[in-house]
Amino acid sequence: MTNEYAHALGARLRSIRQQQGMSLQAVEEKSQGRWKAVVIGSYERGDRAVTVHKLSELARFYGVPVEELLPGGSQTAPAAMEPPERLILDLTQLHNLDEHDAAPLARYAQSIQSQRGDYNGRVLSIRQEDLRTLAVIYEEQPSVLAARLTAWGVLRPAARPEPTDSPSESDDAPITTAAGGAEWASPAHPA
């Protein structure tokens, strides 16, 4: 490991620890001595090499994906890690999933439908805040949950409609989906 990379890795480790509001001593206490403050400090300064195995264990301890600890992970490409601003849940696909996996998402979607009075049953648009809430429920990072829901075929980004000159046209404009299909954004054309 080059010295420059060791320092970048150490800075990333320090950043993750500090984001979680932990001092080096708090890491040692929370890990019940598994991670010594002096060892974590030497990793963070880049004075000591960390093995892939130890990095994996440290990621598990911090509750983050290993790639979040690596230099150039989410910091250099935040757009790649952040889900799109508007998201569409495919409710039809949701009903095809294993009940155990889908139960929290199904309850959350039903809650949103109830609040909105939106029972079209096929798709449901959600916001980033909803995804963050779901991530807490699933005990995962939002980016990890978004990847899982996308792999399940339940989550897809919603492309923004092209701006138009007439407000009435934009009210009935189709939203193009990632799959290339179109869904209507207005109540006049329920999705």
N, C-alpha and C. Protein backbone atom coordinates (compact mmCIF):
# COMPACT_ATOMS: atom_id res chain seq x y z
N MET A 1 0.87 -1.17 0.00
CA MET A 1 0.00 0.00 0.00
C MET A 1 0.91 1.23 0.00
N THR A 2 0.69 2.14 -0.94
CA THR A 2 1.51 3.34 -0.99
C THR A 2 1.17 4.25 0.18
N ASN A 3 2.12 5.08 0.53
CA ASN A 3 1.95 6.01 1.64
C ASN A 3 0.77 6.95 1.39
N GLU A 4 0.65 7.42 0.15
CA GLU A 4 -0.45 8.33 -0.20
C GLU A 4 -1.81 7.63 -0.03
N TYR A 5 -1.88 6.39 -0.49
CA TYR A 5 -3.13 5.64 -0.37
C TYR A 5 -3.44 5.35 1.10
N ALA A 6 -2.41 5.00 1.89
CA ALA A 6 -2.61 4.73 3.32
C ALA A 6 -3.17 5.95 4.03
N HIS A 7 -2.67 7.14 3.68
CA HIS A 7 -3.19 8.37 4.29
C HIS A 7 -4.62 8.65 3.85
N ALA A 8 -4.92 8.41 2.58
CA ALA A 8 -6.29 8.62 2.08
C ALA A 8 -7.25 7.63 2.74
N LEU A 9 -6.83 6.38 2.88
CA LEU A 9 -7.65 5.38 3.56
C LEU A 9 -7.88 5.77 5.02
N GLY A 10 -6.81 6.22 5.66
CA GLY A 10 -6.91 6.65 7.05
C GLY A 10 -7.86 7.83 7.22
N ALA A 11 -7.79 8.78 6.30
CA ALA A 11 -8.70 9.94 6.36
C ALA A 11 -10.15 9.49 6.20
N ARG A 12 -10.36 8.51 5.35
CA ARG A 12 -11.71 7.99 5.12
C ARG A 12 -12.22 7.27 6.38
N LEU A 13 -11.36 6.47 7.00
CA LEU A 13 -11.72 5.79 8.24
C LEU A 13 -12.06 6.80 9.34
N ARG A 14 -11.25 7.85 9.45
CA ARG A 14 -11.51 8.88 10.45
C ARG A 14 -12.84 9.58 10.18
N SER A 15 -13.09 9.87 8.93
CA SER A 15 -14.33 10.55 8.56
C SER A 15 -15.55 9.72 8.95
N ILE A 16 -15.53 8.43 8.65
CA ILE A 16 -16.65 7.55 8.99
C ILE A 16 -16.83 7.49 10.50
N ARG A 17 -15.73 7.34 11.24
CA ARG A 17 -15.81 7.29 12.71
C ARG A 17 -16.40 8.59 13.27
N GLN A 18 -15.92 9.71 12.76
CA GLN A 18 -16.41 11.00 13.26
C GLN A 18 -17.86 11.25 12.87
N GLN A 19 -18.27 10.79 11.69
CA GLN A 19 -19.67 10.92 11.30
C GLN A 19 -20.58 10.19 12.27
N GLN A 20 -20.06 9.13 12.86
CA GLN A 20 -20.85 8.36 13.81
C GLN A 20 -20.71 8.90 15.22
N GLY A 21 -19.99 10.02 15.36
CA GLY A 21 -19.88 10.69 16.66
C GLY A 21 -19.05 9.93 17.68
N MET A 22 -18.10 9.14 17.21
CA MET A 22 -17.29 8.34 18.14
C MET A 22 -15.86 8.85 18.20
N SER A 23 -15.33 8.88 19.41
CA SER A 23 -13.91 9.13 19.60
C SER A 23 -13.19 7.80 19.43
N LEU A 24 -11.86 7.84 19.41
CA LEU A 24 -11.10 6.58 19.33
C LEU A 24 -11.40 5.72 20.56
N GLN A 25 -11.48 6.37 21.71
CA GLN A 25 -11.78 5.63 22.95
C GLN A 25 -13.18 5.01 22.89
N ALA A 26 -14.15 5.74 22.30
CA ALA A 26 -15.51 5.22 22.18
C ALA A 26 -15.55 3.98 21.29
N VAL A 27 -14.72 3.95 20.24
CA VAL A 27 -14.65 2.77 19.37
C VAL A 27 -14.18 1.58 20.19
N GLU A 28 -13.14 1.79 21.00
CA GLU A 28 -12.63 0.70 21.82
C GLU A 28 -13.69 0.21 22.81
N GLU A 29 -14.40 1.15 23.42
CA GLU A 29 -15.44 0.77 24.39
C GLU A 29 -16.61 0.06 23.71
N LYS A 30 -17.09 0.62 22.61
CA LYS A 30 -18.24 0.03 21.92
C LYS A 30 -17.91 -1.36 21.38
N SER A 31 -16.66 -1.56 20.96
CA SER A 31 -16.26 -2.87 20.43
C SER A 31 -15.82 -3.82 21.53
N GLN A 32 -15.95 -3.40 22.78
CA GLN A 32 -15.55 -4.20 23.94
C GLN A 32 -14.10 -4.65 23.83
N GLY A 33 -13.25 -3.73 23.37
CA GLY A 33 -11.82 -3.99 23.28
C GLY A 33 -11.37 -4.67 22.01
N ARG A 34 -12.30 -5.04 21.14
CA ARG A 34 -11.92 -5.69 19.87
C ARG A 34 -11.05 -4.74 19.04
N TRP A 35 -11.44 -3.46 19.01
CA TRP A 35 -10.69 -2.45 18.26
C TRP A 35 -10.04 -1.51 19.26
N LYS A 36 -8.74 -1.60 19.40
CA LYS A 36 -7.99 -0.75 20.32
C LYS A 36 -7.88 0.66 19.74
N ALA A 37 -8.01 1.65 20.60
CA ALA A 37 -7.93 3.05 20.17
C ALA A 37 -6.61 3.34 19.47
N VAL A 38 -5.52 2.82 20.00
CA VAL A 38 -4.20 3.08 19.42
C VAL A 38 -4.09 2.47 18.01
N VAL A 39 -4.70 1.31 17.80
CA VAL A 39 -4.64 0.65 16.49
C VAL A 39 -5.49 1.43 15.47
N ILE A 40 -6.71 1.79 15.86
CA ILE A 40 -7.57 2.57 14.96
C ILE A 40 -6.90 3.90 14.63
N GLY A 41 -6.30 4.53 15.63
CA GLY A 41 -5.59 5.79 15.40
C GLY A 41 -4.44 5.62 14.42
N SER A 42 -3.71 4.52 14.52
CA SER A 42 -2.60 4.30 13.59
C SER A 42 -3.10 4.01 12.18
N TYR A 43 -4.26 3.33 12.05
CA TYR A 43 -4.88 3.14 10.74
C TYR A 43 -5.26 4.50 10.15
N GLU A 44 -5.87 5.33 10.98
CA GLU A 44 -6.36 6.63 10.52
C GLU A 44 -5.22 7.57 10.12
N ARG A 45 -4.08 7.46 10.79
CA ARG A 45 -2.92 8.30 10.43
C ARG A 45 -2.17 7.74 9.22
N GLY A 46 -2.49 6.50 8.84
CA GLY A 46 -1.78 5.86 7.74
C GLY A 46 -0.45 5.29 8.17
N ASP A 47 -0.23 5.16 9.49
CA ASP A 47 1.02 4.63 10.02
C ASP A 47 1.06 3.10 10.02
N ARG A 48 -0.10 2.50 9.91
CA ARG A 48 -0.19 1.04 10.00
C ARG A 48 -1.07 0.54 8.86
N ALA A 49 -0.63 -0.52 8.20
CA ALA A 49 -1.40 -1.10 7.10
C ALA A 49 -2.56 -1.91 7.66
N VAL A 50 -3.68 -1.83 6.99
CA VAL A 50 -4.86 -2.59 7.40
C VAL A 50 -5.12 -3.66 6.34
N THR A 51 -5.34 -4.88 6.79
CA THR A 51 -5.60 -5.97 5.85
C THR A 51 -7.03 -5.86 5.33
N VAL A 52 -7.29 -6.53 4.24
CA VAL A 52 -8.64 -6.55 3.67
C VAL A 52 -9.61 -7.16 4.67
N HIS A 53 -9.18 -8.22 5.34
CA HIS A 53 -10.03 -8.88 6.33
C HIS A 53 -10.38 -7.92 7.47
N LYS A 54 -9.39 -7.21 7.99
CA LYS A 54 -9.65 -6.26 9.08
C LYS A 54 -10.51 -5.09 8.60
N LEU A 55 -10.29 -4.66 7.37
CA LEU A 55 -11.10 -3.57 6.81
C LEU A 55 -12.56 -4.00 6.70
N SER A 56 -12.76 -5.25 6.30
CA SER A 56 -14.12 -5.79 6.21
C SER A 56 -14.77 -5.84 7.59
N GLU A 57 -14.03 -6.29 8.59
CA GLU A 57 -14.55 -6.34 9.96
C GLU A 57 -14.86 -4.93 10.48
N LEU A 58 -13.99 -3.98 10.16
CA LEU A 58 -14.19 -2.61 10.60
C LEU A 58 -15.43 -2.00 9.94
N ALA A 59 -15.64 -2.31 8.66
CA ALA A 59 -16.84 -1.84 7.96
C ALA A 59 -18.08 -2.40 8.63
N ARG A 60 -18.04 -3.68 8.97
CA ARG A 60 -19.17 -4.30 9.66
C ARG A 60 -19.41 -3.62 11.01
N PHE A 61 -18.35 -3.33 11.73
CA PHE A 61 -18.46 -2.66 13.03
C PHE A 61 -19.12 -1.28 12.87
N TYR A 62 -18.68 -0.52 11.85
CA TYR A 62 -19.25 0.81 11.61
C TYR A 62 -20.63 0.75 10.95
N GLY A 63 -20.99 -0.43 10.42
CA GLY A 63 -22.29 -0.57 9.76
C GLY A 63 -22.36 0.08 8.40
N VAL A 64 -21.25 0.05 7.67
CA VAL A 64 -21.20 0.65 6.33
C VAL A 64 -20.64 -0.37 5.35
N PRO A 65 -20.96 -0.24 4.06
CA PRO A 65 -20.34 -1.12 3.07
C PRO A 65 -18.83 -0.87 3.01
N VAL A 66 -18.05 -1.89 2.74
CA VAL A 66 -16.59 -1.77 2.67
C VAL A 66 -16.18 -0.65 1.72
N GLU A 67 -16.88 -0.54 0.59
CA GLU A 67 -16.49 0.49 -0.39
C GLU A 67 -16.60 1.90 0.16
N GLU A 68 -17.40 2.09 1.20
CA GLU A 68 -17.50 3.40 1.84
C GLU A 68 -16.21 3.76 2.58
N LEU A 69 -15.45 2.76 2.98
CA LEU A 69 -14.21 3.01 3.69
C LEU A 69 -13.03 3.27 2.76
N LEU A 70 -13.18 2.87 1.50
CA LEU A 70 -12.07 2.99 0.55
C LEU A 70 -11.98 4.40 -0.01
N PRO A 71 -10.76 4.90 -0.18
CA PRO A 71 -10.61 6.22 -0.81
C PRO A 71 -11.21 6.20 -2.21
N GLY A 72 -11.91 7.26 -2.54
CA GLY A 72 -12.54 7.33 -3.85
C GLY A 72 -13.86 6.62 -3.90
N GLY A 73 -14.32 6.07 -2.78
CA GLY A 73 -15.61 5.39 -2.74
C GLY A 73 -16.74 6.34 -3.05
N SER A 74 -17.50 6.73 -2.07
CA SER A 74 -18.65 7.60 -2.32
C SER A 74 -18.27 9.06 -2.38
N GLN A 75 -17.09 9.45 -1.87
CA GLN A 75 -16.73 10.86 -1.87
C GLN A 75 -16.47 11.41 -3.26
N THR A 76 -15.79 10.62 -4.11
CA THR A 76 -15.46 11.14 -5.42
C THR A 76 -16.59 10.99 -6.42
N ALA A 77 -17.54 10.11 -6.14
CA ALA A 77 -18.65 9.91 -7.06
C ALA A 77 -19.97 9.84 -6.30
N PRO A 78 -20.38 10.93 -5.62
CA PRO A 78 -21.60 10.86 -4.84
C PRO A 78 -22.83 10.56 -5.68
N ALA A 79 -22.86 10.98 -6.92
CA ALA A 79 -24.03 10.73 -7.76
C ALA A 79 -24.20 9.23 -8.01
N ALA A 80 -23.10 8.50 -8.05
CA ALA A 80 -23.20 7.07 -8.28
C ALA A 80 -23.77 6.34 -7.07
N MET A 81 -23.56 6.87 -5.87
CA MET A 81 -24.03 6.23 -4.67
C MET A 81 -25.41 6.72 -4.25
N GLU A 82 -25.76 7.92 -4.61
CA GLU A 82 -27.04 8.48 -4.21
C GLU A 82 -28.14 8.07 -5.19
N PRO A 83 -29.23 7.56 -4.68
CA PRO A 83 -30.34 7.24 -5.56
C PRO A 83 -30.91 8.51 -6.17
N PRO A 84 -31.62 8.41 -7.28
CA PRO A 84 -32.21 9.58 -7.91
C PRO A 84 -33.20 10.27 -6.98
N GLU A 85 -33.44 11.55 -7.25
CA GLU A 85 -34.31 12.35 -6.38
C GLU A 85 -35.74 11.80 -6.33
N ARG A 86 -36.32 11.48 -7.49
CA ARG A 86 -37.68 10.91 -7.54
C ARG A 86 -37.57 9.43 -7.83
N LEU A 87 -38.32 8.66 -7.11
CA LEU A 87 -38.27 7.22 -7.24
C LEU A 87 -39.67 6.66 -7.44
N ILE A 88 -39.76 5.56 -8.14
CA ILE A 88 -41.04 4.90 -8.39
C ILE A 88 -40.98 3.49 -7.81
N LEU A 89 -41.95 3.15 -6.98
CA LEU A 89 -42.09 1.78 -6.51
C LEU A 89 -43.05 1.05 -7.43
N ASP A 90 -42.65 -0.09 -7.90
CA ASP A 90 -43.50 -0.93 -8.74
C ASP A 90 -44.28 -1.84 -7.80
N LEU A 91 -45.52 -1.47 -7.51
CA LEU A 91 -46.33 -2.21 -6.55
C LEU A 91 -46.71 -3.59 -7.05
N THR A 92 -46.83 -3.74 -8.35
CA THR A 92 -47.13 -5.05 -8.92
C THR A 92 -45.99 -6.01 -8.61
N GLN A 93 -44.76 -5.56 -8.82
CA GLN A 93 -43.58 -6.39 -8.54
C GLN A 93 -43.44 -6.63 -7.04
N LEU A 94 -43.81 -5.65 -6.23
CA LEU A 94 -43.75 -5.78 -4.78
C LEU A 94 -44.59 -6.96 -4.30
N HIS A 95 -45.76 -7.13 -4.89
CA HIS A 95 -46.64 -8.23 -4.49
C HIS A 95 -46.10 -9.60 -4.90
N ASN A 96 -45.13 -9.63 -5.83
CA ASN A 96 -44.54 -10.89 -6.27
C ASN A 96 -43.35 -11.33 -5.40
N LEU A 97 -42.91 -10.47 -4.48
CA LEU A 97 -41.74 -10.78 -3.65
C LEU A 97 -42.10 -11.67 -2.47
N ASP A 98 -41.08 -12.28 -1.91
CA ASP A 98 -41.23 -13.06 -0.68
C ASP A 98 -41.80 -12.15 0.40
N GLU A 99 -42.83 -12.63 1.09
CA GLU A 99 -43.52 -11.81 2.09
C GLU A 99 -42.58 -11.30 3.17
N HIS A 100 -41.65 -12.12 3.60
CA HIS A 100 -40.71 -11.71 4.66
C HIS A 100 -39.88 -10.52 4.22
N ASP A 101 -39.36 -10.56 2.99
CA ASP A 101 -38.55 -9.45 2.48
C ASP A 101 -39.38 -8.20 2.24
N ALA A 102 -40.57 -8.39 1.72
CA ALA A 102 -41.38 -7.27 1.26
C ALA A 102 -42.28 -6.65 2.32
N ALA A 103 -42.50 -7.32 3.44
CA ALA A 103 -43.49 -6.86 4.42
C ALA A 103 -43.27 -5.42 4.89
N PRO A 104 -42.06 -5.02 5.30
CA PRO A 104 -41.90 -3.64 5.75
C PRO A 104 -42.17 -2.63 4.64
N LEU A 105 -41.70 -2.93 3.44
CA LEU A 105 -41.92 -2.04 2.30
C LEU A 105 -43.40 -1.97 1.95
N ALA A 106 -44.09 -3.10 1.97
CA ALA A 106 -45.51 -3.13 1.65
C ALA A 106 -46.31 -2.31 2.66
N ARG A 107 -45.98 -2.44 3.95
CA ARG A 107 -46.69 -1.65 4.98
C ARG A 107 -46.44 -0.16 4.77
N TYR A 108 -45.19 0.21 4.46
CA TYR A 108 -44.86 1.61 4.26
C TYR A 108 -45.59 2.17 3.03
N ALA A 109 -45.60 1.39 1.96
CA ALA A 109 -46.30 1.82 0.73
C ALA A 109 -47.79 1.98 1.00
N GLN A 110 -48.38 1.06 1.75
CA GLN A 110 -49.80 1.18 2.09
C GLN A 110 -50.07 2.44 2.90
N SER A 111 -49.16 2.78 3.79
CA SER A 111 -49.30 4.00 4.59
C SER A 111 -49.29 5.24 3.70
N ILE A 112 -48.37 5.27 2.74
CA ILE A 112 -48.30 6.42 1.82
C ILE A 112 -49.58 6.48 0.98
N GLN A 113 -50.02 5.33 0.47
CA GLN A 113 -51.25 5.31 -0.33
C GLN A 113 -52.43 5.82 0.48
N SER A 114 -52.51 5.43 1.72
CA SER A 114 -53.60 5.87 2.59
C SER A 114 -53.55 7.38 2.81
N GLN A 115 -52.37 7.91 3.07
CA GLN A 115 -52.22 9.36 3.29
C GLN A 115 -52.58 10.14 2.04
N ARG A 116 -52.23 9.62 0.88
CA ARG A 116 -52.47 10.33 -0.37
C ARG A 116 -53.84 10.02 -0.97
N GLY A 117 -54.47 8.96 -0.52
CA GLY A 117 -55.70 8.52 -1.15
C GLY A 117 -55.43 8.01 -2.56
N ASP A 118 -54.26 7.43 -2.75
CA ASP A 118 -53.79 6.98 -4.07
C ASP A 118 -53.76 5.46 -4.09
N TYR A 119 -54.77 4.87 -4.69
CA TYR A 119 -54.87 3.42 -4.70
C TYR A 119 -54.86 2.85 -6.12
N ASN A 120 -54.03 3.42 -7.02
CA ASN A 120 -54.02 2.89 -8.38
C ASN A 120 -53.44 1.49 -8.43
N GLY A 121 -52.64 1.13 -7.44
CA GLY A 121 -52.20 -0.25 -7.30
C GLY A 121 -51.03 -0.68 -8.16
N ARG A 122 -50.58 0.12 -9.11
CA ARG A 122 -49.49 -0.31 -9.98
C ARG A 122 -48.16 0.30 -9.61
N VAL A 123 -48.13 1.61 -9.42
CA VAL A 123 -46.89 2.29 -9.08
C VAL A 123 -47.16 3.33 -8.00
N LEU A 124 -46.10 3.71 -7.29
CA LEU A 124 -46.19 4.73 -6.26
C LEU A 124 -44.90 5.51 -6.27
N SER A 125 -45.00 6.83 -6.42
CA SER A 125 -43.78 7.64 -6.37
C SER A 125 -43.44 7.93 -4.91
N ILE A 126 -42.15 7.87 -4.60
CA ILE A 126 -41.68 8.18 -3.26
C ILE A 126 -40.55 9.19 -3.35
N ARG A 127 -40.24 9.80 -2.23
CA ARG A 127 -39.17 10.80 -2.16
C ARG A 127 -37.94 10.19 -1.50
N GLN A 128 -36.84 10.94 -1.55
CA GLN A 128 -35.61 10.53 -0.88
C GLN A 128 -35.86 10.30 0.62
N GLU A 129 -36.66 11.18 1.21
CA GLU A 129 -36.95 11.05 2.65
C GLU A 129 -37.60 9.69 2.94
N ASP A 130 -38.49 9.25 2.03
CA ASP A 130 -39.13 7.95 2.21
C ASP A 130 -38.09 6.83 2.14
N LEU A 131 -37.14 6.96 1.22
CA LEU A 131 -36.10 5.94 1.09
C LEU A 131 -35.23 5.92 2.35
N ARG A 132 -34.91 7.08 2.90
CA ARG A 132 -34.13 7.12 4.13
C ARG A 132 -34.89 6.46 5.28
N THR A 133 -36.18 6.72 5.36
CA THR A 133 -37.01 6.09 6.40
C THR A 133 -37.01 4.57 6.22
N LEU A 134 -37.19 4.12 4.98
CA LEU A 134 -37.17 2.68 4.71
C LEU A 134 -35.81 2.07 5.07
N ALA A 135 -34.74 2.83 4.82
CA ALA A 135 -33.40 2.33 5.15
C ALA A 135 -33.26 2.10 6.65
N VAL A 136 -33.86 2.97 7.45
CA VAL A 136 -33.85 2.78 8.90
C VAL A 136 -34.62 1.51 9.26
N ILE A 137 -35.78 1.34 8.64
CA ILE A 137 -36.60 0.15 8.90
C ILE A 137 -35.84 -1.13 8.53
N TYR A 138 -35.17 -1.10 7.38
CA TYR A 138 -34.43 -2.28 6.91
C TYR A 138 -33.02 -2.38 7.53
N GLU A 139 -32.65 -1.37 8.32
CA GLU A 139 -31.34 -1.32 8.96
C GLU A 139 -30.20 -1.40 7.95
N GLU A 140 -30.30 -0.57 6.90
CA GLU A 140 -29.28 -0.52 5.85
C GLU A 140 -29.04 0.94 5.47
N GLN A 141 -27.93 1.19 4.81
CA GLN A 141 -27.67 2.51 4.25
C GLN A 141 -28.65 2.73 3.10
N PRO A 142 -29.11 3.97 2.86
CA PRO A 142 -30.05 4.20 1.76
C PRO A 142 -29.54 3.71 0.41
N SER A 143 -28.25 3.90 0.13
CA SER A 143 -27.72 3.45 -1.16
C SER A 143 -27.75 1.93 -1.29
N VAL A 144 -27.50 1.23 -0.18
CA VAL A 144 -27.53 -0.24 -0.19
C VAL A 144 -28.97 -0.72 -0.38
N LEU A 145 -29.90 -0.08 0.34
CA LEU A 145 -31.31 -0.48 0.20
C LEU A 145 -31.80 -0.19 -1.22
N ALA A 146 -31.43 0.96 -1.77
CA ALA A 146 -31.85 1.29 -3.14
C ALA A 146 -31.35 0.24 -4.12
N ALA A 147 -30.11 -0.21 -3.94
CA ALA A 147 -29.56 -1.24 -4.82
C ALA A 147 -30.34 -2.55 -4.67
N ARG A 148 -30.70 -2.90 -3.43
CA ARG A 148 -31.45 -4.13 -3.19
C ARG A 148 -32.84 -4.04 -3.82
N LEU A 149 -33.54 -2.93 -3.60
CA LEU A 149 -34.88 -2.77 -4.15
C LEU A 149 -34.86 -2.74 -5.68
N THR A 150 -33.81 -2.17 -6.24
CA THR A 150 -33.66 -2.16 -7.70
C THR A 150 -33.44 -3.58 -8.21
N ALA A 151 -32.60 -4.35 -7.50
CA ALA A 151 -32.36 -5.74 -7.90
C ALA A 151 -33.64 -6.57 -7.80
N TRP A 152 -34.49 -6.25 -6.85
CA TRP A 152 -35.77 -6.94 -6.71
C TRP A 152 -36.75 -6.54 -7.81
N GLY A 153 -36.44 -5.46 -8.53
CA GLY A 153 -37.34 -4.97 -9.57
C GLY A 153 -38.46 -4.09 -9.03
N VAL A 154 -38.35 -3.66 -7.79
CA VAL A 154 -39.39 -2.88 -7.14
C VAL A 154 -39.15 -1.38 -7.27
N LEU A 155 -37.89 -0.98 -7.36
CA LEU A 155 -37.54 0.44 -7.37
C LEU A 155 -36.93 0.82 -8.70
N ARG A 156 -37.39 1.95 -9.22
CA ARG A 156 -36.79 2.48 -10.44
C ARG A 156 -36.82 4.00 -10.38
N PRO A 157 -35.82 4.65 -10.99
CA PRO A 157 -35.83 6.11 -10.99
C PRO A 157 -36.92 6.62 -11.92
N ALA A 158 -37.43 7.79 -11.61
CA ALA A 158 -38.42 8.43 -12.48
C ALA A 158 -37.74 9.60 -13.16
N ALA A 159 -37.64 9.52 -14.48
CA ALA A 159 -37.06 10.64 -15.23
C ALA A 159 -38.01 11.82 -15.15
N ARG A 160 -37.44 12.97 -15.09
CA ARG A 160 -38.27 14.17 -15.03
C ARG A 160 -38.90 14.43 -16.40
N PRO A 161 -40.16 14.88 -16.44
CA PRO A 161 -40.76 15.23 -17.72
C PRO A 161 -40.06 16.46 -18.29
N GLU A 162 -40.04 16.55 -19.61
CA GLU A 162 -39.46 17.72 -20.26
C GLU A 162 -40.32 18.94 -19.96
N PRO A 163 -39.69 20.09 -19.67
CA PRO A 163 -40.49 21.29 -19.42
C PRO A 163 -41.26 21.68 -20.68
N THR A 164 -42.47 22.20 -20.47
CA THR A 164 -43.29 22.65 -21.59
C THR A 164 -43.68 24.09 -21.36
N ASP A 165 -44.18 24.73 -22.42
CA ASP A 165 -44.60 26.12 -22.32
C ASP A 165 -45.95 26.24 -21.63
N SER A 166 -46.78 25.25 -21.76
CA SER A 166 -48.14 25.32 -21.25
C SER A 166 -48.28 24.50 -19.98
N PRO A 167 -48.78 25.08 -18.88
CA PRO A 167 -48.96 24.33 -17.66
C PRO A 167 -49.90 23.14 -17.84
N SER A 168 -50.91 23.28 -18.69
CA SER A 168 -51.85 22.18 -18.88
C SER A 168 -51.17 21.00 -19.56
N GLU A 169 -50.20 21.27 -20.43
CA GLU A 169 -49.49 20.16 -21.07
C GLU A 169 -48.64 19.41 -20.05
N SER A 170 -47.96 20.15 -19.14
CA SER A 170 -47.10 19.47 -18.19
C SER A 170 -47.91 18.69 -17.18
N ASP A 171 -49.17 19.09 -16.93
CA ASP A 171 -50.01 18.34 -16.00
C ASP A 171 -50.30 16.94 -16.52
N ASP A 172 -50.40 16.77 -17.82
CA ASP A 172 -50.71 15.47 -18.41
C ASP A 172 -49.51 14.85 -19.10
N ALA A 173 -48.29 15.31 -18.80
CA ALA A 173 -47.11 14.80 -19.48
C ALA A 173 -46.73 13.43 -18.96
N PRO A 174 -46.37 12.53 -19.86
CA PRO A 174 -45.93 11.21 -19.39
C PRO A 174 -44.54 11.32 -18.77
N ILE A 175 -44.28 10.51 -17.78
CA ILE A 175 -42.95 10.41 -17.20
C ILE A 175 -42.32 9.18 -17.81
N THR A 176 -41.17 9.36 -18.42
CA THR A 176 -40.48 8.23 -19.04
C THR A 176 -39.75 7.46 -17.96
N THR A 177 -39.94 6.16 -17.93
CA THR A 177 -39.30 5.33 -16.92
C THR A 177 -37.95 4.87 -17.42
N ALA A 178 -37.18 4.31 -16.48
CA ALA A 178 -35.85 3.80 -16.83
C ALA A 178 -35.94 2.70 -17.88
N ALA A 179 -37.04 1.98 -17.87
CA ALA A 179 -37.21 0.88 -18.84
C ALA A 179 -37.64 1.38 -20.21
N GLY A 180 -37.88 2.69 -20.32
CA GLY A 180 -38.25 3.25 -21.61
C GLY A 180 -39.75 3.40 -21.80
N GLY A 181 -40.54 2.91 -20.87
CA GLY A 181 -41.99 3.04 -20.97
C GLY A 181 -42.42 4.42 -20.50
N ALA A 182 -43.72 4.66 -20.49
CA ALA A 182 -44.21 5.95 -20.02
C ALA A 182 -45.31 5.72 -19.00
N GLU A 183 -45.33 6.60 -18.01
CA GLU A 183 -46.38 6.59 -17.01
C GLU A 183 -46.93 8.00 -16.91
N TRP A 184 -48.22 8.13 -16.75
CA TRP A 184 -48.83 9.45 -16.69
C TRP A 184 -48.71 10.02 -15.31
N ALA A 185 -48.37 11.30 -15.24
CA ALA A 185 -48.12 11.94 -13.96
C ALA A 185 -49.37 12.60 -13.38
N SER A 186 -50.42 12.73 -14.13
CA SER A 186 -51.58 13.48 -13.63
C SER A 186 -52.68 12.53 -13.19
N PRO A 187 -53.59 13.07 -12.34
CA PRO A 187 -54.72 12.26 -11.92
C PRO A 187 -55.63 11.88 -13.09
N ALA A 188 -55.59 12.67 -14.18
CA ALA A 188 -56.42 12.37 -15.34
C ALA A 188 -55.97 11.08 -16.03
N HIS A 189 -54.70 10.74 -15.82
CA HIS A 189 -54.14 9.52 -16.41
C HIS A 189 -53.45 8.74 -15.32
N PRO A 190 -54.16 8.06 -14.45
CA PRO A 190 -53.50 7.34 -13.35
C PRO A 190 -52.57 6.27 -13.89
N ALA A 191 -51.48 6.13 -13.18
CA ALA A 191 -50.46 5.13 -13.60
C ALA A 191 -50.88 3.76 -13.18
